[in-house]
Amino acid sequence: MSDLRSELEENLDEAEWEWLIPHCQRDAVIVVSHGLDLLSVGEAIAGDQSSAVRRWIDEQLIAKPTVQQIGEWNLNRGKRFNSLIIQPYVLIQEIGDW
């Protein structure tokens, strides 16, 4: 396992939507599809693997949250996500409900 992946693994955590709102307000939240490994996405972003990141964006596997998603999460502020901070971004992946 790479040193970067080990470091990221230590920073992987759960977060409630309520805690993520300030990051969303500064346009720093990126939603990661369930088809992707959150650590692998973090590793690609931190490692500047632009071709992989561009492919995921093009395939809509990573994206900024939609207005609809934000509205749903605002109704359930206790909703939990797996989260990973990759400065300046916060990567999130919904827990359950998929």
N, C-alpha and C. Protein backbone atom coordinates (compact mmCIF):
# COMPACT_ATOMS: atom_id res chain seq x y z
N MET A 1 0.85 -1.18 0.00
CA MET A 1 0.00 0.00 0.00
C MET A 1 0.89 1.24 0.00
N SER A 2 0.55 2.21 -0.83
CA SER A 2 1.37 3.41 -0.91
C SER A 2 1.27 4.23 0.37
N ASP A 3 2.29 5.06 0.59
CA ASP A 3 2.27 5.94 1.75
C ASP A 3 1.08 6.89 1.69
N LEU A 4 0.80 7.40 0.47
CA LEU A 4 -0.33 8.32 0.30
C LEU A 4 -1.63 7.62 0.68
N ARG A 5 -1.83 6.41 0.19
CA ARG A 5 -3.06 5.68 0.50
C ARG A 5 -3.18 5.42 2.00
N SER A 6 -2.08 5.07 2.65
CA SER A 6 -2.10 4.85 4.10
C SER A 6 -2.48 6.12 4.84
N GLU A 7 -1.91 7.23 4.40
CA GLU A 7 -2.23 8.52 5.02
C GLU A 7 -3.70 8.87 4.82
N LEU A 8 -4.20 8.66 3.62
CA LEU A 8 -5.60 8.96 3.34
C LEU A 8 -6.52 8.05 4.15
N GLU A 9 -6.15 6.79 4.27
CA GLU A 9 -6.95 5.83 5.02
C GLU A 9 -7.14 6.29 6.47
N GLU A 10 -6.11 6.90 7.03
CA GLU A 10 -6.20 7.42 8.39
C GLU A 10 -7.18 8.59 8.49
N ASN A 11 -7.38 9.29 7.38
CA ASN A 11 -8.27 10.46 7.38
C ASN A 11 -9.70 10.13 6.94
N LEU A 12 -9.93 8.89 6.54
CA LEU A 12 -11.27 8.47 6.14
C LEU A 12 -12.15 8.42 7.39
N ASP A 13 -13.33 9.02 7.31
CA ASP A 13 -14.20 9.10 8.47
C ASP A 13 -15.65 9.20 8.02
N GLU A 14 -16.54 9.17 8.98
CA GLU A 14 -17.95 9.42 8.71
C GLU A 14 -18.27 10.84 9.12
N ALA A 15 -19.22 11.44 8.41
CA ALA A 15 -19.65 12.80 8.73
C ALA A 15 -21.14 12.92 8.51
N GLU A 16 -21.79 13.70 9.35
CA GLU A 16 -23.20 14.01 9.16
C GLU A 16 -23.32 15.18 8.19
N TRP A 17 -24.42 15.23 7.48
CA TRP A 17 -24.64 16.32 6.54
C TRP A 17 -24.51 17.67 7.23
N GLU A 18 -25.00 17.79 8.42
CA GLU A 18 -24.93 19.05 9.16
C GLU A 18 -23.49 19.57 9.21
N TRP A 19 -22.53 18.68 9.38
CA TRP A 19 -21.12 19.06 9.47
C TRP A 19 -20.55 19.45 8.10
N LEU A 20 -21.17 18.94 7.04
CA LEU A 20 -20.66 19.17 5.69
C LEU A 20 -21.22 20.43 5.04
N ILE A 21 -22.27 20.99 5.62
CA ILE A 21 -22.92 22.16 5.02
C ILE A 21 -21.94 23.31 4.77
N PRO A 22 -21.09 23.69 5.73
CA PRO A 22 -20.16 24.80 5.45
C PRO A 22 -19.24 24.52 4.26
N HIS A 23 -18.84 23.27 4.09
CA HIS A 23 -17.98 22.91 2.95
C HIS A 23 -18.77 22.99 1.65
N CYS A 24 -20.03 22.61 1.70
CA CYS A 24 -20.89 22.71 0.52
C CYS A 24 -21.10 24.18 0.15
N GLN A 25 -21.27 25.02 1.14
CA GLN A 25 -21.48 26.45 0.89
C GLN A 25 -20.27 27.09 0.23
N ARG A 26 -19.09 26.55 0.47
CA ARG A 26 -17.90 27.09 -0.19
C ARG A 26 -17.55 26.30 -1.46
N ASP A 27 -18.50 25.47 -1.92
CA ASP A 27 -18.39 24.73 -3.17
C ASP A 27 -17.22 23.76 -3.18
N ALA A 28 -16.99 23.11 -2.03
CA ALA A 28 -15.83 22.22 -1.91
C ALA A 28 -16.20 20.75 -1.79
N VAL A 29 -17.50 20.43 -1.82
CA VAL A 29 -17.93 19.04 -1.67
C VAL A 29 -18.01 18.36 -3.03
N ILE A 30 -17.47 17.16 -3.08
CA ILE A 30 -17.54 16.33 -4.29
C ILE A 30 -18.18 15.00 -3.89
N VAL A 31 -19.25 14.65 -4.60
CA VAL A 31 -19.96 13.39 -4.34
C VAL A 31 -19.32 12.30 -5.19
N VAL A 32 -18.98 11.20 -4.53
CA VAL A 32 -18.36 10.05 -5.20
C VAL A 32 -19.39 8.93 -5.30
N SER A 33 -19.57 8.42 -6.49
CA SER A 33 -20.52 7.33 -6.75
C SER A 33 -20.14 6.08 -5.96
N HIS A 34 -21.15 5.27 -5.68
CA HIS A 34 -20.91 4.02 -4.95
C HIS A 34 -20.09 3.02 -5.76
N GLY A 35 -20.02 3.21 -7.06
CA GLY A 35 -19.24 2.32 -7.91
C GLY A 35 -17.73 2.53 -7.79
N LEU A 36 -17.34 3.58 -7.09
CA LEU A 36 -15.92 3.89 -6.94
C LEU A 36 -15.48 3.74 -5.49
N ASP A 37 -14.23 3.41 -5.31
CA ASP A 37 -13.64 3.34 -3.98
C ASP A 37 -13.22 4.76 -3.58
N LEU A 38 -13.74 5.23 -2.46
CA LEU A 38 -13.48 6.59 -2.00
C LEU A 38 -11.98 6.85 -1.84
N LEU A 39 -11.25 5.90 -1.31
CA LEU A 39 -9.80 6.07 -1.14
C LEU A 39 -9.08 6.16 -2.48
N SER A 40 -9.51 5.39 -3.45
CA SER A 40 -8.89 5.44 -4.77
C SER A 40 -9.12 6.79 -5.44
N VAL A 41 -10.31 7.33 -5.26
CA VAL A 41 -10.60 8.66 -5.82
C VAL A 41 -9.74 9.70 -5.13
N GLY A 42 -9.66 9.63 -3.82
CA GLY A 42 -8.82 10.56 -3.08
C GLY A 42 -7.37 10.48 -3.50
N GLU A 43 -6.90 9.26 -3.69
CA GLU A 43 -5.52 9.04 -4.12
C GLU A 43 -5.29 9.65 -5.51
N ALA A 44 -6.25 9.49 -6.41
CA ALA A 44 -6.11 10.04 -7.77
C ALA A 44 -6.11 11.56 -7.74
N ILE A 45 -6.97 12.15 -6.94
CA ILE A 45 -7.01 13.61 -6.86
C ILE A 45 -5.73 14.15 -6.23
N ALA A 46 -5.34 13.57 -5.11
CA ALA A 46 -4.13 14.02 -4.41
C ALA A 46 -2.87 13.77 -5.25
N GLY A 47 -2.89 12.72 -6.03
CA GLY A 47 -1.74 12.36 -6.86
C GLY A 47 -1.76 12.99 -8.23
N ASP A 48 -2.72 13.88 -8.48
CA ASP A 48 -2.84 14.61 -9.74
C ASP A 48 -2.95 13.66 -10.95
N GLN A 49 -3.76 12.61 -10.78
CA GLN A 49 -4.01 11.67 -11.88
C GLN A 49 -5.18 12.19 -12.69
N SER A 50 -4.91 13.24 -13.45
CA SER A 50 -5.97 13.98 -14.13
C SER A 50 -6.77 13.15 -15.13
N SER A 51 -6.16 12.18 -15.79
CA SER A 51 -6.92 11.40 -16.78
C SER A 51 -7.99 10.56 -16.10
N ALA A 52 -7.67 9.95 -14.96
CA ALA A 52 -8.66 9.16 -14.22
C ALA A 52 -9.76 10.06 -13.69
N VAL A 53 -9.37 11.20 -13.13
CA VAL A 53 -10.35 12.13 -12.57
C VAL A 53 -11.27 12.65 -13.66
N ARG A 54 -10.71 13.02 -14.81
CA ARG A 54 -11.51 13.53 -15.95
C ARG A 54 -12.49 12.46 -16.41
N ARG A 55 -12.04 11.19 -16.47
CA ARG A 55 -12.92 10.10 -16.90
C ARG A 55 -14.11 9.96 -15.94
N TRP A 56 -13.83 10.00 -14.62
CA TRP A 56 -14.90 9.89 -13.64
C TRP A 56 -15.88 11.05 -13.74
N ILE A 57 -15.35 12.24 -14.00
CA ILE A 57 -16.24 13.40 -14.17
C ILE A 57 -17.10 13.20 -15.41
N ASP A 58 -16.48 12.82 -16.51
CA ASP A 58 -17.21 12.61 -17.77
C ASP A 58 -18.29 11.54 -17.63
N GLU A 59 -17.99 10.51 -16.82
CA GLU A 59 -18.96 9.42 -16.62
C GLU A 59 -19.92 9.73 -15.47
N GLN A 60 -19.83 10.93 -14.92
CA GLN A 60 -20.67 11.40 -13.81
C GLN A 60 -20.57 10.48 -12.59
N LEU A 61 -19.37 9.96 -12.35
CA LEU A 61 -19.12 9.13 -11.18
C LEU A 61 -18.63 9.98 -10.01
N ILE A 62 -18.11 11.16 -10.31
CA ILE A 62 -17.81 12.16 -9.28
C ILE A 62 -18.37 13.48 -9.78
N ALA A 63 -18.98 14.23 -8.86
CA ALA A 63 -19.62 15.49 -9.25
C ALA A 63 -19.91 16.33 -8.03
N LYS A 64 -20.16 17.59 -8.27
CA LYS A 64 -20.65 18.46 -7.21
C LYS A 64 -22.07 18.00 -6.88
N PRO A 65 -22.53 18.17 -5.65
CA PRO A 65 -23.90 17.77 -5.33
C PRO A 65 -24.91 18.62 -6.11
N THR A 66 -26.00 17.97 -6.49
CA THR A 66 -27.05 18.69 -7.21
C THR A 66 -27.93 19.46 -6.22
N VAL A 67 -28.69 20.39 -6.74
CA VAL A 67 -29.62 21.15 -5.90
C VAL A 67 -30.61 20.18 -5.25
N GLN A 68 -31.04 19.16 -5.99
CA GLN A 68 -31.98 18.16 -5.46
C GLN A 68 -31.34 17.39 -4.30
N GLN A 69 -30.11 16.96 -4.47
CA GLN A 69 -29.44 16.23 -3.40
C GLN A 69 -29.32 17.10 -2.15
N ILE A 70 -28.88 18.33 -2.33
CA ILE A 70 -28.72 19.24 -1.19
C ILE A 70 -30.05 19.44 -0.49
N GLY A 71 -31.13 19.59 -1.25
CA GLY A 71 -32.46 19.75 -0.66
C GLY A 71 -32.85 18.54 0.16
N GLU A 72 -32.61 17.35 -0.36
CA GLU A 72 -32.93 16.12 0.37
C GLU A 72 -32.10 16.01 1.65
N TRP A 73 -30.82 16.32 1.54
CA TRP A 73 -29.95 16.22 2.70
C TRP A 73 -30.30 17.27 3.76
N ASN A 74 -30.75 18.44 3.30
CA ASN A 74 -31.15 19.48 4.25
C ASN A 74 -32.38 19.05 5.06
N LEU A 75 -33.19 18.16 4.50
CA LEU A 75 -34.36 17.65 5.21
C LEU A 75 -33.95 16.59 6.23
N ASN A 76 -32.78 16.02 6.05
CA ASN A 76 -32.28 14.98 6.94
C ASN A 76 -30.84 15.32 7.30
N ARG A 77 -30.67 16.32 8.15
CA ARG A 77 -29.34 16.83 8.46
C ARG A 77 -28.47 15.82 9.21
N GLY A 78 -29.08 14.75 9.71
CA GLY A 78 -28.31 13.71 10.38
C GLY A 78 -27.82 12.63 9.43
N LYS A 79 -28.15 12.77 8.14
CA LYS A 79 -27.71 11.78 7.14
C LYS A 79 -26.19 11.66 7.21
N ARG A 80 -25.73 10.41 7.11
CA ARG A 80 -24.29 10.16 7.28
C ARG A 80 -23.64 9.80 5.94
N PHE A 81 -22.39 10.20 5.84
CA PHE A 81 -21.57 9.97 4.65
C PHE A 81 -20.20 9.48 5.07
N ASN A 82 -19.58 8.67 4.24
CA ASN A 82 -18.15 8.45 4.37
C ASN A 82 -17.52 9.71 3.80
N SER A 83 -16.48 10.20 4.43
CA SER A 83 -15.87 11.45 3.97
C SER A 83 -14.36 11.36 4.00
N LEU A 84 -13.76 12.13 3.12
CA LEU A 84 -12.31 12.18 3.01
C LEU A 84 -11.92 13.58 2.56
N ILE A 85 -11.09 14.24 3.34
CA ILE A 85 -10.65 15.59 3.00
C ILE A 85 -9.39 15.48 2.14
N ILE A 86 -9.47 16.07 0.95
CA ILE A 86 -8.35 16.22 0.04
C ILE A 86 -8.32 17.72 -0.28
N GLN A 87 -7.55 18.46 0.47
CA GLN A 87 -7.57 19.92 0.35
C GLN A 87 -7.52 20.38 -1.09
N PRO A 88 -8.38 21.27 -1.53
CA PRO A 88 -9.38 22.00 -0.76
C PRO A 88 -10.76 21.32 -0.75
N TYR A 89 -10.83 20.06 -1.18
CA TYR A 89 -12.10 19.38 -1.34
C TYR A 89 -12.44 18.46 -0.17
N VAL A 90 -13.73 18.17 -0.06
CA VAL A 90 -14.21 17.14 0.85
C VAL A 90 -14.97 16.14 -0.03
N LEU A 91 -14.43 14.94 -0.14
CA LEU A 91 -15.08 13.89 -0.91
C LEU A 91 -16.07 13.19 0.00
N ILE A 92 -17.27 12.97 -0.51
CA ILE A 92 -18.29 12.27 0.29
C ILE A 92 -18.91 11.16 -0.52
N GLN A 93 -19.35 10.15 0.20
CA GLN A 93 -20.05 9.02 -0.41
C GLN A 93 -21.17 8.63 0.55
N GLU A 94 -22.40 8.61 0.02
CA GLU A 94 -23.54 8.29 0.88
C GLU A 94 -23.38 6.91 1.50
N ILE A 95 -23.83 6.80 2.72
CA ILE A 95 -23.86 5.51 3.42
C ILE A 95 -25.28 4.96 3.30
N GLY A 96 -25.42 3.75 2.79
CA GLY A 96 -26.74 3.13 2.66
C GLY A 96 -27.61 3.85 1.66
N ASP A 97 -28.91 3.54 1.65
CA ASP A 97 -29.91 4.16 0.77
C ASP A 97 -29.55 4.08 -0.70
N TRP A 98 -28.82 3.05 -1.12
CA TRP A 98 -28.51 2.90 -2.52
C TRP A 98 -28.72 1.50 -2.91
